[in-house]
């Protein structure tokens, strides 16, 4: 079993566009931390984060953040996200001022 520490995904999505940040590869697992950074100096942004079990289609029950307001020049962190084969993290930014970085361990 190999464990690799790495950047799993990075995105700065277009405004109001759900974007898949990371999909766990076949036969792998991951434990990750998600860093959400609003890069605007003056405008708050609202973000959404969903965890799609096994590649399931979008559903309201998957959200761990929904229209959470991120103040200007601020960062929010989700830690200890446990993911299995085919799970997908999808992110969304209302104003396109926010970047998402997922870092962690991938086990195969």
PDB file of N, CA and C in Angstrom:
ATOM      1  N   UNK A   1       0.848  -1.180   0.000  1.00  0.00           N
ATOM      2  CA  UNK A   1       0.000   0.000   0.000  1.00  0.00           C
ATOM      3  C   UNK A   1       0.890   1.239   0.000  1.00  0.00           C
ATOM      4  N   UNK A   2       0.725   2.099  -0.985  1.00  0.00           N
ATOM      5  CA  UNK A   2       1.514   3.323  -1.089  1.00  0.00           C
ATOM      6  C   UNK A   2       0.702   4.518  -0.617  1.00  0.00           C
ATOM      7  N   UNK A   3       1.343   5.375   0.179  1.00  0.00           N
ATOM      8  CA  UNK A   3       0.707   6.608   0.647  1.00  0.00           C
ATOM      9  C   UNK A   3       1.530   7.772   0.128  1.00  0.00           C
ATOM     10  N   UNK A   4       0.864   8.699  -0.564  1.00  0.00           N
ATOM     11  CA  UNK A   4       1.552   9.846  -1.141  1.00  0.00           C
ATOM     12  C   UNK A   4       0.905  11.122  -0.621  1.00  0.00           C
ATOM     13  N   UNK A   5       1.735  12.023  -0.079  1.00  0.00           N
ATOM     14  CA  UNK A   5       1.274  13.338   0.359  1.00  0.00           C
ATOM     15  C   UNK A   5       1.416  14.285  -0.823  1.00  0.00           C
ATOM     16  N   UNK A   6       0.315  14.987  -1.173  1.00  0.00           N
ATOM     17  CA  UNK A   6       0.402  15.859  -2.345  1.00  0.00           C
ATOM     18  C   UNK A   6      -0.759  16.838  -2.408  1.00  0.00           C
ATOM     19  N   UNK A   7      -0.650  17.750  -3.361  1.00  0.00           N
ATOM     20  CA  UNK A   7      -1.778  18.619  -3.697  1.00  0.00           C
ATOM     21  C   UNK A   7      -2.720  17.778  -4.547  1.00  0.00           C
ATOM     22  N   UNK A   8      -3.944  17.608  -4.078  1.00  0.00           N
ATOM     23  CA  UNK A   8      -4.912  16.753  -4.763  1.00  0.00           C
ATOM     24  C   UNK A   8      -5.723  17.515  -5.805  1.00  0.00           C
ATOM     25  N   UNK A   9      -5.908  18.816  -5.591  1.00  0.00           N
ATOM     26  CA  UNK A   9      -6.664  19.609  -6.554  1.00  0.00           C
ATOM     27  C   UNK A   9      -6.569  21.084  -6.254  1.00  0.00           C
ATOM     28  N   UNK A  10      -6.640  21.893  -7.313  1.00  0.00           N
ATOM     29  CA  UNK A  10      -6.641  23.345  -7.192  1.00  0.00           C
ATOM     30  C   UNK A  10      -7.606  23.899  -8.228  1.00  0.00           C
ATOM     31  N   UNK A  11      -8.398  24.911  -7.823  1.00  0.00           N
ATOM     32  CA  UNK A  11      -9.332  25.531  -8.756  1.00  0.00           C
ATOM     33  C   UNK A  11      -9.700  26.932  -8.290  1.00  0.00           C
ATOM     34  N   UNK A  12      -9.939  27.793  -9.240  1.00  0.00           N
ATOM     35  CA  UNK A  12     -10.537  29.110  -9.006  1.00  0.00           C
ATOM     36  C   UNK A  12     -11.688  29.188 -10.006  1.00  0.00           C
ATOM     37  N   UNK A  13     -12.841  28.628  -9.645  1.00  0.00           N
ATOM     38  CA  UNK A  13     -13.935  28.455 -10.607  1.00  0.00           C
ATOM     39  C   UNK A  13     -14.520  29.768 -11.122  1.00  0.00           C
ATOM     40  N   UNK A  14     -15.065  29.704 -12.314  1.00  0.00           N
ATOM     41  CA  UNK A  14     -15.818  30.830 -12.872  1.00  0.00           C
ATOM     42  C   UNK A  14     -17.017  31.104 -11.967  1.00  0.00           C
ATOM     43  N   UNK A  15     -17.522  32.321 -12.015  1.00  0.00           N
ATOM     44  CA  UNK A  15     -18.641  32.719 -11.160  1.00  0.00           C
ATOM     45  C   UNK A  15     -19.840  31.788 -11.336  1.00  0.00           C
ATOM     46  N   UNK A  16     -20.389  31.379 -10.192  1.00  0.00           N
ATOM     47  CA  UNK A  16     -21.631  30.604 -10.141  1.00  0.00           C
ATOM     48  C   UNK A  16     -21.594  29.350 -11.005  1.00  0.00           C
ATOM     49  N   UNK A  17     -20.433  28.666 -11.008  1.00  0.00           N
ATOM     50  CA  UNK A  17     -20.262  27.459 -11.812  1.00  0.00           C
ATOM     51  C   UNK A  17     -19.768  26.309 -10.942  1.00  0.00           C
ATOM     52  N   UNK A  18     -20.602  25.307 -10.650  1.00  0.00           N
ATOM     53  CA  UNK A  18     -20.113  24.154  -9.897  1.00  0.00           C
ATOM     54  C   UNK A  18     -18.955  23.501 -10.663  1.00  0.00           C
ATOM     55  N   UNK A  19     -17.865  23.223  -9.937  1.00  0.00           N
ATOM     56  CA  UNK A  19     -16.652  22.712 -10.565  1.00  0.00           C
ATOM     57  C   UNK A  19     -16.109  21.554  -9.746  1.00  0.00           C
ATOM     58  N   UNK A  20     -15.842  20.427 -10.396  1.00  0.00           N
ATOM     59  CA  UNK A  20     -15.254  19.295  -9.693  1.00  0.00           C
ATOM     60  C   UNK A  20     -13.791  19.609  -9.394  1.00  0.00           C
ATOM     61  N   UNK A  21     -13.447  19.590  -8.108  1.00  0.00           N
ATOM     62  CA  UNK A  21     -12.090  19.896  -7.671  1.00  0.00           C
ATOM     63  C   UNK A  21     -11.217  18.650  -7.668  1.00  0.00           C
ATOM     64  N   UNK A  22     -11.793  17.512  -7.251  1.00  0.00           N
ATOM     65  CA  UNK A  22     -11.005  16.288  -7.111  1.00  0.00           C
ATOM     66  C   UNK A  22     -11.924  15.088  -7.158  1.00  0.00           C
ATOM     67  N   UNK A  23     -11.468  14.059  -7.860  1.00  0.00           N
ATOM     68  CA  UNK A  23     -12.147  12.769  -7.881  1.00  0.00           C
ATOM     69  C   UNK A  23     -11.142  11.725  -7.434  1.00  0.00           C
ATOM     70  N   UNK A  24     -11.502  10.917  -6.448  1.00  0.00           N
ATOM     71  CA  UNK A  24     -10.614   9.869  -5.969  1.00  0.00           C
ATOM     72  C   UNK A  24     -10.490   8.808  -7.051  1.00  0.00           C
ATOM     73  N   UNK A  25      -9.253   8.488  -7.411  1.00  0.00           N
ATOM     74  CA  UNK A  25      -8.996   7.515  -8.468  1.00  0.00           C
ATOM     75  C   UNK A  25      -9.381   6.104  -8.075  1.00  0.00           C
ATOM     76  N   UNK A  26      -9.478   5.266  -9.071  1.00  0.00           N
ATOM     77  CA  UNK A  26      -9.874   3.875  -8.873  1.00  0.00           C
ATOM     78  C   UNK A  26      -9.008   3.141  -7.860  1.00  0.00           C
ATOM     79  N   UNK A  27      -9.644   2.506  -6.890  1.00  0.00           N
ATOM     80  CA  UNK A  27      -8.953   1.722  -5.884  1.00  0.00           C
ATOM     81  C   UNK A  27      -8.182   2.538  -4.857  1.00  0.00           C
ATOM     82  N   UNK A  28      -8.390   3.845  -4.822  1.00  0.00           N
ATOM     83  CA  UNK A  28      -7.658   4.698  -3.889  1.00  0.00           C
ATOM     84  C   UNK A  28      -8.567   5.255  -2.806  1.00  0.00           C
ATOM     85  N   UNK A  29      -7.937   5.775  -1.766  1.00  0.00           N
ATOM     86  CA  UNK A  29      -8.605   6.517  -0.702  1.00  0.00           C
ATOM     87  C   UNK A  29      -7.796   7.781  -0.463  1.00  0.00           C
ATOM     88  N   UNK A  30      -8.421   8.770   0.153  1.00  0.00           N
ATOM     89  CA  UNK A  30      -7.696  10.005   0.450  1.00  0.00           C
ATOM     90  C   UNK A  30      -8.195  10.592   1.758  1.00  0.00           C
ATOM     91  N   UNK A  31      -7.292  11.258   2.443  1.00  0.00           N
ATOM     92  CA  UNK A  31      -7.649  12.087   3.592  1.00  0.00           C
ATOM     93  C   UNK A  31      -7.069  13.453   3.294  1.00  0.00           C
ATOM     94  N   UNK A  32      -7.930  14.480   3.364  1.00  0.00           N
ATOM     95  CA  UNK A  32      -7.498  15.778   2.859  1.00  0.00           C
ATOM     96  C   UNK A  32      -7.999  16.941   3.696  1.00  0.00           C
ATOM     97  N   UNK A  33      -7.349  18.077   3.490  1.00  0.00           N
ATOM     98  CA  UNK A  33      -7.761  19.361   4.053  1.00  0.00           C
ATOM     99  C   UNK A  33      -8.047  20.294   2.885  1.00  0.00           C
ATOM    100  N   UNK A  34      -9.132  21.042   2.997  1.00  0.00           N
ATOM    101  CA  UNK A  34      -9.549  21.959   1.943  1.00  0.00           C
ATOM    102  C   UNK A  34      -9.366  23.396   2.413  1.00  0.00           C
ATOM    103  N   UNK A  35      -8.583  24.164   1.669  1.00  0.00           N
ATOM    104  CA  UNK A  35      -8.334  25.577   1.957  1.00  0.00           C
ATOM    105  C   UNK A  35      -9.126  26.416   0.968  1.00  0.00           C
ATOM    106  N   UNK A  36      -9.956  27.317   1.498  1.00  0.00           N
ATOM    107  CA  UNK A  36     -10.807  28.178   0.681  1.00  0.00           C
ATOM    108  C   UNK A  36     -10.358  29.607   0.939  1.00  0.00           C
ATOM    109  N   UNK A  37      -9.890  30.302  -0.108  1.00  0.00           N
ATOM    110  CA  UNK A  37      -9.294  31.625   0.065  1.00  0.00           C
ATOM    111  C   UNK A  37      -9.967  32.653  -0.843  1.00  0.00           C
ATOM    112  N   UNK A  38     -10.640  33.633  -0.237  1.00  0.00           N
ATOM    113  CA  UNK A  38     -11.223  34.734  -1.003  1.00  0.00           C
ATOM    114  C   UNK A  38     -10.116  35.748  -1.280  1.00  0.00           C
ATOM    115  N   UNK A  39      -9.770  35.901  -2.535  1.00  0.00           N
ATOM    116  CA  UNK A  39      -8.645  36.748  -2.931  1.00  0.00           C
ATOM    117  C   UNK A  39      -9.030  38.210  -3.145  1.00  0.00           C
ATOM    118  N   UNK A  40     -10.301  38.525  -3.069  1.00  0.00           N
ATOM    119  CA  UNK A  40     -10.721  39.916  -3.218  1.00  0.00           C
ATOM    120  C   UNK A  40     -10.304  40.725  -1.992  1.00  0.00           C
ATOM    121  N   UNK A  41      -9.865  41.948  -2.226  1.00  0.00           N
ATOM    122  CA  UNK A  41      -9.489  42.842  -1.124  1.00  0.00           C
ATOM    123  C   UNK A  41     -10.692  43.566  -0.541  1.00  0.00           C
ATOM    124  N   UNK A  42     -11.835  43.534  -1.258  1.00  0.00           N
ATOM    125  CA  UNK A  42     -12.951  44.367  -0.808  1.00  0.00           C
ATOM    126  C   UNK A  42     -14.333  43.718  -0.873  1.00  0.00           C
ATOM    127  N   UNK A  43     -14.470  42.549  -1.507  1.00  0.00           N
ATOM    128  CA  UNK A  43     -15.791  41.951  -1.717  1.00  0.00           C
ATOM    129  C   UNK A  43     -15.862  40.559  -1.083  1.00  0.00           C
ATOM    130  N   UNK A  44     -16.904  40.324  -0.283  1.00  0.00           N
ATOM    131  CA  UNK A  44     -17.148  38.985   0.243  1.00  0.00           C
ATOM    132  C   UNK A  44     -17.596  38.072  -0.889  1.00  0.00           C
ATOM    133  N   UNK A  45     -17.393  36.777  -0.697  1.00  0.00           N
ATOM    134  CA  UNK A  45     -17.839  35.792  -1.666  1.00  0.00           C
ATOM    135  C   UNK A  45     -18.620  34.715  -0.920  1.00  0.00           C
ATOM    136  N   UNK A  46     -19.547  34.093  -1.590  1.00  0.00           N
ATOM    137  CA  UNK A  46     -20.274  32.959  -1.024  1.00  0.00           C
ATOM    138  C   UNK A  46     -19.816  31.704  -1.744  1.00  0.00           C
ATOM    139  N   UNK A  47     -19.538  30.667  -0.960  1.00  0.00           N
ATOM    140  CA  UNK A  47     -19.021  29.426  -1.524  1.00  0.00           C
ATOM    141  C   UNK A  47     -19.897  28.240  -1.143  1.00  0.00           C
ATOM    142  N   UNK A  48     -19.749  27.197  -1.955  1.00  0.00           N
ATOM    143  CA  UNK A  48     -20.414  25.920  -1.687  1.00  0.00           C
ATOM    144  C   UNK A  48     -19.386  24.817  -1.871  1.00  0.00           C
ATOM    145  N   UNK A  49     -19.502  23.778  -1.041  1.00  0.00           N
ATOM    146  CA  UNK A  49     -18.649  22.603  -1.146  1.00  0.00           C
ATOM    147  C   UNK A  49     -19.532  21.383  -0.945  1.00  0.00           C
ATOM    148  N   UNK A  50     -19.450  20.435  -1.878  1.00  0.00           N
ATOM    149  CA  UNK A  50     -20.211  19.194  -1.706  1.00  0.00           C
ATOM    150  C   UNK A  50     -19.291  17.988  -1.837  1.00  0.00           C
ATOM    151  N   UNK A  51     -19.644  16.928  -1.120  1.00  0.00           N
ATOM    152  CA  UNK A  51     -18.937  15.650  -1.171  1.00  0.00           C
ATOM    153  C   UNK A  51     -19.871  14.644  -1.819  1.00  0.00           C
ATOM    154  N   UNK A  52     -19.526  14.236  -3.034  1.00  0.00           N
ATOM    155  CA  UNK A  52     -20.400  13.352  -3.809  1.00  0.00           C
ATOM    156  C   UNK A  52     -19.919  11.907  -3.686  1.00  0.00           C
ATOM    157  N   UNK A  53     -20.597  11.138  -2.862  1.00  0.00           N
ATOM    158  CA  UNK A  53     -20.254   9.756  -2.559  1.00  0.00           C
ATOM    159  C   UNK A  53     -20.275   8.893  -3.819  1.00  0.00           C
ATOM    160  N   UNK A  54     -19.145   8.261  -4.114  1.00  0.00           N
ATOM    161  CA  UNK A  54     -19.066   7.316  -5.227  1.00  0.00           C
ATOM    162  C   UNK A  54     -19.428   7.904  -6.572  1.00  0.00           C
ATOM    163  N   UNK A  55     -19.239   9.202  -6.758  1.00  0.00           N
ATOM    164  CA  UNK A  55     -19.539   9.838  -8.042  1.00  0.00           C
ATOM    165  C   UNK A  55     -21.011  10.116  -8.269  1.00  0.00           C
ATOM    166  N   UNK A  56     -21.801  10.101  -7.218  1.00  0.00           N
ATOM    167  CA  UNK A  56     -23.245  10.354  -7.340  1.00  0.00           C
ATOM    168  C   UNK A  56     -23.504  11.723  -7.957  1.00  0.00           C
ATOM    169  N   UNK A  57     -24.652  11.870  -8.579  1.00  0.00           N
ATOM    170  CA  UNK A  57     -25.070  13.161  -9.106  1.00  0.00           C
ATOM    171  C   UNK A  57     -25.321  14.136  -7.975  1.00  0.00           C
ATOM    172  N   UNK A  58     -25.401  15.413  -8.320  1.00  0.00           N
ATOM    173  CA  UNK A  58     -25.609  16.462  -7.315  1.00  0.00           C
ATOM    174  C   UNK A  58     -26.903  16.250  -6.537  1.00  0.00           C
ATOM    175  N   UNK A  59     -26.835  16.464  -5.223  1.00  0.00           N
ATOM    176  CA  UNK A  59     -27.991  16.286  -4.342  1.00  0.00           C
ATOM    177  C   UNK A  59     -27.793  17.188  -3.123  1.00  0.00           C
ATOM    178  N   UNK A  60     -28.854  17.742  -2.608  1.00  0.00           N
ATOM    179  CA  UNK A  60     -28.782  18.686  -1.483  1.00  0.00           C
ATOM    180  C   UNK A  60     -28.113  18.097  -0.242  1.00  0.00           C
ATOM    181  N   UNK A  61     -28.208  16.779  -0.033  1.00  0.00           N
ATOM    182  CA  UNK A  61     -27.641  16.180   1.177  1.00  0.00           C
ATOM    183  C   UNK A  61     -26.119  16.145   1.175  1.00  0.00           C
ATOM    184  N   UNK A  62     -25.473  16.454   0.062  1.00  0.00           N
ATOM    185  CA  UNK A  62     -24.017  16.322  -0.051  1.00  0.00           C
ATOM    186  C   UNK A  62     -23.238  17.548   0.426  1.00  0.00           C
ATOM    187  N   UNK A  63     -23.907  18.659   0.668  1.00  0.00           N
ATOM    188  CA  UNK A  63     -23.200  19.904   0.984  1.00  0.00           C
ATOM    189  C   UNK A  63     -22.638  19.912   2.402  1.00  0.00           C
ATOM    190  N   UNK A  64     -21.368  20.318   2.505  1.00  0.00           N
ATOM    191  CA  UNK A  64     -20.778  20.591   3.815  1.00  0.00           C
ATOM    192  C   UNK A  64     -20.657  22.102   4.015  1.00  0.00           C
ATOM    193  N   UNK A  65     -20.871  22.862   2.943  1.00  0.00           N
ATOM    194  CA  UNK A  65     -20.951  24.321   2.999  1.00  0.00           C
ATOM    195  C   UNK A  65     -21.892  24.758   1.887  1.00  0.00           C
ATOM    196  N   UNK A  66     -22.824  25.653   2.223  1.00  0.00           N
ATOM    197  CA  UNK A  66     -23.776  26.139   1.218  1.00  0.00           C
ATOM    198  C   UNK A  66     -23.975  27.641   1.420  1.00  0.00           C
ATOM    199  N   UNK A  67     -23.491  28.406   0.453  1.00  0.00           N
ATOM    200  CA  UNK A  67     -23.552  29.874   0.493  1.00  0.00           C
ATOM    201  C   UNK A  67     -22.922  30.440   1.764  1.00  0.00           C
ATOM    202  N   UNK A  68     -21.850  29.770   2.229  1.00  0.00           N
ATOM    203  CA  UNK A  68     -21.082  30.310   3.351  1.00  0.00           C
ATOM    204  C   UNK A  68     -20.341  31.552   2.882  1.00  0.00           C
ATOM    205  N   UNK A  69     -20.447  32.627   3.645  1.00  0.00           N
ATOM    206  CA  UNK A  69     -19.810  33.887   3.261  1.00  0.00           C
ATOM    207  C   UNK A  69     -18.358  33.907   3.730  1.00  0.00           C
ATOM    208  N   UNK A  70     -17.476  34.168   2.784  1.00  0.00           N
ATOM    209  CA  UNK A  70     -16.055  34.299   3.069  1.00  0.00           C
ATOM    210  C   UNK A  70     -15.704  35.786   2.936  1.00  0.00           C
ATOM    211  N   UNK A  71     -15.304  36.427   4.024  1.00  0.00           N
ATOM    212  CA  UNK A  71     -14.969  37.858   3.958  1.00  0.00           C
ATOM    213  C   UNK A  71     -13.784  38.112   3.021  1.00  0.00           C
ATOM    214  N   UNK A  72     -13.617  39.366   2.596  1.00  0.00           N
ATOM    215  CA  UNK A  72     -12.475  39.702   1.740  1.00  0.00           C
ATOM    216  C   UNK A  72     -11.155  39.320   2.410  1.00  0.00           C
ATOM    217  N   UNK A  73     -10.213  38.870   1.591  1.00  0.00           N
ATOM    218  CA  UNK A  73      -8.858  38.534   2.057  1.00  0.00           C
ATOM    219  C   UNK A  73      -8.875  37.568   3.242  1.00  0.00           C
ATOM    220  N   UNK A  74      -9.766  36.561   3.184  1.00  0.00           N
ATOM    221  CA  UNK A  74      -9.893  35.605   4.281  1.00  0.00           C
ATOM    222  C   UNK A  74      -9.796  34.177   3.767  1.00  0.00           C
ATOM    223  N   UNK A  75      -9.441  33.287   4.690  1.00  0.00           N
ATOM    224  CA  UNK A  75      -9.316  31.869   4.365  1.00  0.00           C
ATOM    225  C   UNK A  75     -10.147  31.051   5.343  1.00  0.00           C
ATOM    226  N   UNK A  76     -10.796  30.001   4.825  1.00  0.00           N
ATOM    227  CA  UNK A  76     -11.544  29.050   5.637  1.00  0.00           C
ATOM    228  C   UNK A  76     -10.966  27.674   5.349  1.00  0.00           C
ATOM    229  N   UNK A  77     -10.885  26.823   6.374  1.00  0.00           N
ATOM    230  CA  UNK A  77     -10.272  25.509   6.204  1.00  0.00           C
ATOM    231  C   UNK A  77     -11.208  24.415   6.706  1.00  0.00           C
ATOM    232  N   UNK A  78     -11.399  23.390   5.871  1.00  0.00           N
ATOM    233  CA  UNK A  78     -12.054  22.150   6.285  1.00  0.00           C
ATOM    234  C   UNK A  78     -10.947  21.117   6.469  1.00  0.00           C
ATOM    235  N   UNK A  79     -10.911  20.435   7.609  1.00  0.00           N
ATOM    236  CA  UNK A  79      -9.865  19.442   7.856  1.00  0.00           C
ATOM    237  C   UNK A  79     -10.455  18.046   7.978  1.00  0.00           C
ATOM    238  N   UNK A  80      -9.614  17.051   7.712  1.00  0.00           N
ATOM    239  CA  UNK A  80      -9.976  15.661   7.941  1.00  0.00           C
ATOM    240  C   UNK A  80     -11.057  15.119   7.026  1.00  0.00           C
ATOM    241  N   UNK A  81     -11.085  15.556   5.772  1.00  0.00           N
ATOM    242  CA  UNK A  81     -12.067  15.018   4.826  1.00  0.00           C
ATOM    243  C   UNK A  81     -11.630  13.621   4.403  1.00  0.00           C
ATOM    244  N   UNK A  82     -12.439  12.616   4.693  1.00  0.00           N
ATOM    245  CA  UNK A  82     -12.127  11.226   4.363  1.00  0.00           C
ATOM    246  C   UNK A  82     -12.898  10.838   3.107  1.00  0.00           C
ATOM    247  N   UNK A  83     -12.157  10.370   2.104  1.00  0.00           N
ATOM    248  CA  UNK A  83     -12.753  10.086   0.795  1.00  0.00           C
ATOM    249  C   UNK A  83     -12.367   8.690   0.321  1.00  0.00           C
ATOM    250  N   UNK A  84     -13.272   8.057  -0.398  1.00  0.00           N
ATOM    251  CA  UNK A  84     -13.045   6.723  -0.942  1.00  0.00           C
ATOM    252  C   UNK A  84     -13.111   6.749  -2.464  1.00  0.00           C
ATOM    253  N   UNK A  85     -12.831   5.607  -3.047  1.00  0.00           N
ATOM    254  CA  UNK A  85     -12.841   5.414  -4.496  1.00  0.00           C
ATOM    255  C   UNK A  85     -14.062   6.057  -5.153  1.00  0.00           C
ATOM    256  N   UNK A  86     -13.833   6.909  -6.129  1.00  0.00           N
ATOM    257  CA  UNK A  86     -14.855   7.576  -6.947  1.00  0.00           C
ATOM    258  C   UNK A  86     -15.589   8.731  -6.265  1.00  0.00           C
ATOM    259  N   UNK A  87     -15.269   9.042  -5.006  1.00  0.00           N
ATOM    260  CA  UNK A  87     -15.869  10.215  -4.361  1.00  0.00           C
ATOM    261  C   UNK A  87     -15.375  11.483  -5.069  1.00  0.00           C
ATOM    262  N   UNK A  88     -16.225  12.501  -5.120  1.00  0.00           N
ATOM    263  CA  UNK A  88     -15.908  13.747  -5.817  1.00  0.00           C
ATOM    264  C   UNK A  88     -16.156  14.929  -4.881  1.00  0.00           C
ATOM    265  N   UNK A  89     -15.212  15.873  -4.864  1.00  0.00           N
ATOM    266  CA  UNK A  89     -15.420  17.147  -4.173  1.00  0.00           C
ATOM    267  C   UNK A  89     -15.738  18.179  -5.246  1.00  0.00           C
ATOM    268  N   UNK A  90     -16.899  18.830  -5.093  1.00  0.00           N
ATOM    269  CA  UNK A  90     -17.331  19.862  -6.032  1.00  0.00           C
ATOM    270  C   UNK A  90     -17.374  21.199  -5.296  1.00  0.00           C
ATOM    271  N   UNK A  91     -16.867  22.247  -5.942  1.00  0.00           N
ATOM    272  CA  UNK A  91     -16.787  23.574  -5.323  1.00  0.00           C
ATOM    273  C   UNK A  91     -17.506  24.600  -6.191  1.00  0.00           C
ATOM    274  N   UNK A  92     -17.803  25.755  -5.575  1.00  0.00           N
ATOM    275  CA  UNK A  92     -18.604  26.790  -6.232  1.00  0.00           C
ATOM    276  C   UNK A  92     -18.294  28.122  -5.565  1.00  0.00           C
ATOM    277  N   UNK A  93     -18.186  29.164  -6.371  1.00  0.00           N
ATOM    278  CA  UNK A  93     -17.929  30.511  -5.870  1.00  0.00           C
ATOM    279  C   UNK A  93     -18.878  31.476  -6.574  1.00  0.00           C
ATOM    280  N   UNK A  94     -19.625  32.257  -5.820  1.00  0.00           N
ATOM    281  CA  UNK A  94     -20.588  33.175  -6.419  1.00  0.00           C
ATOM    282  C   UNK A  94     -19.921  34.231  -7.292  1.00  0.00           C
ATOM    283  N   UNK A  95     -18.804  34.809  -6.805  1.00  0.00           N
ATOM    284  CA  UNK A  95     -18.175  35.939  -7.495  1.00  0.00           C
ATOM    285  C   UNK A  95     -16.902  35.601  -8.262  1.00  0.00           C
ATOM    286  N   UNK A  96     -16.462  34.367  -8.211  1.00  0.00           N
ATOM    287  CA  UNK A  96     -15.207  33.950  -8.866  1.00  0.00           C
ATOM    288  C   UNK A  96     -13.982  34.634  -8.264  1.00  0.00           C
ATOM    289  N   UNK A  97     -14.056  35.014  -6.993  1.00  0.00           N
ATOM    290  CA  UNK A  97     -12.898  35.634  -6.338  1.00  0.00           C
ATOM    291  C   UNK A  97     -12.184  34.665  -5.409  1.00  0.00           C
ATOM    292  N   UNK A  98     -12.663  33.426  -5.346  1.00  0.00           N
ATOM    293  CA  UNK A  98     -12.178  32.470  -4.359  1.00  0.00           C
ATOM    294  C   UNK A  98     -11.482  31.281  -5.007  1.00  0.00           C
ATOM    295  N   UNK A  99     -10.344  30.901  -4.399  1.00  0.00           N
ATOM    296  CA  UNK A  99      -9.628  29.707  -4.856  1.00  0.00           C
ATOM    297  C   UNK A  99      -9.816  28.585  -3.837  1.00  0.00           C
ATOM    298  N   UNK A 100      -9.720  27.366  -4.333  1.00  0.00           N
ATOM    299  CA  UNK A 100      -9.884  26.161  -3.526  1.00  0.00           C
ATOM    300  C   UNK A 100      -8.643  25.291  -3.722  1.00  0.00           C
ATOM    301  N   UNK A 101      -8.020  24.896  -2.619  1.00  0.00           N
ATOM    302  CA  UNK A 101      -6.848  24.033  -2.675  1.00  0.00           C
ATOM    303  C   UNK A 101      -7.061  22.846  -1.750  1.00  0.00           C
ATOM    304  N   UNK A 102      -6.923  21.657  -2.311  1.00  0.00           N
ATOM    305  CA  UNK A 102      -7.112  20.432  -1.554  1.00  0.00           C
ATOM    306  C   UNK A 102      -5.751  19.745  -1.436  1.00  0.00           C
ATOM    307  N   UNK A 103      -5.297  19.535  -0.196  1.00  0.00           N
ATOM    308  CA  UNK A 103      -4.021  18.873   0.042  1.00  0.00           C
ATOM    309  C   UNK A 103      -4.233  17.732   1.021  1.00  0.00           C
ATOM    310  N   UNK A 104      -3.450  16.674   0.844  1.00  0.00           N
ATOM    311  CA  UNK A 104      -3.603  15.564   1.760  1.00  0.00           C
ATOM    312  C   UNK A 104      -2.863  14.325   1.335  1.00  0.00           C
ATOM    313  N   UNK A 105      -3.343  13.198   1.819  1.00  0.00           N
ATOM    314  CA  UNK A 105      -2.738  11.893   1.572  1.00  0.00           C
ATOM    315  C   UNK A 105      -3.634  11.091   0.650  1.00  0.00           C
ATOM    316  N   UNK A 106      -3.013  10.457  -0.330  1.00  0.00           N
ATOM    317  CA  UNK A 106      -3.734   9.560  -1.221  1.00  0.00           C
ATOM    318  C   UNK A 106      -3.127   8.173  -1.023  1.00  0.00           C
ATOM    319  N   UNK A 107      -3.976   7.187  -0.774  1.00  0.00           N
ATOM    320  CA  UNK A 107      -3.518   5.821  -0.489  1.00  0.00           C
ATOM    321  C   UNK A 107      -4.001   4.915  -1.606  1.00  0.00           C
ATOM    322  N   UNK A 108      -3.067   4.120  -2.141  1.00  0.00           N
ATOM    323  CA  UNK A 108      -3.460   3.157  -3.177  1.00  0.00           C
ATOM    324  C   UNK A 108      -3.044   1.748  -2.777  1.00  0.00           C
TER     325      UNK A 108
END
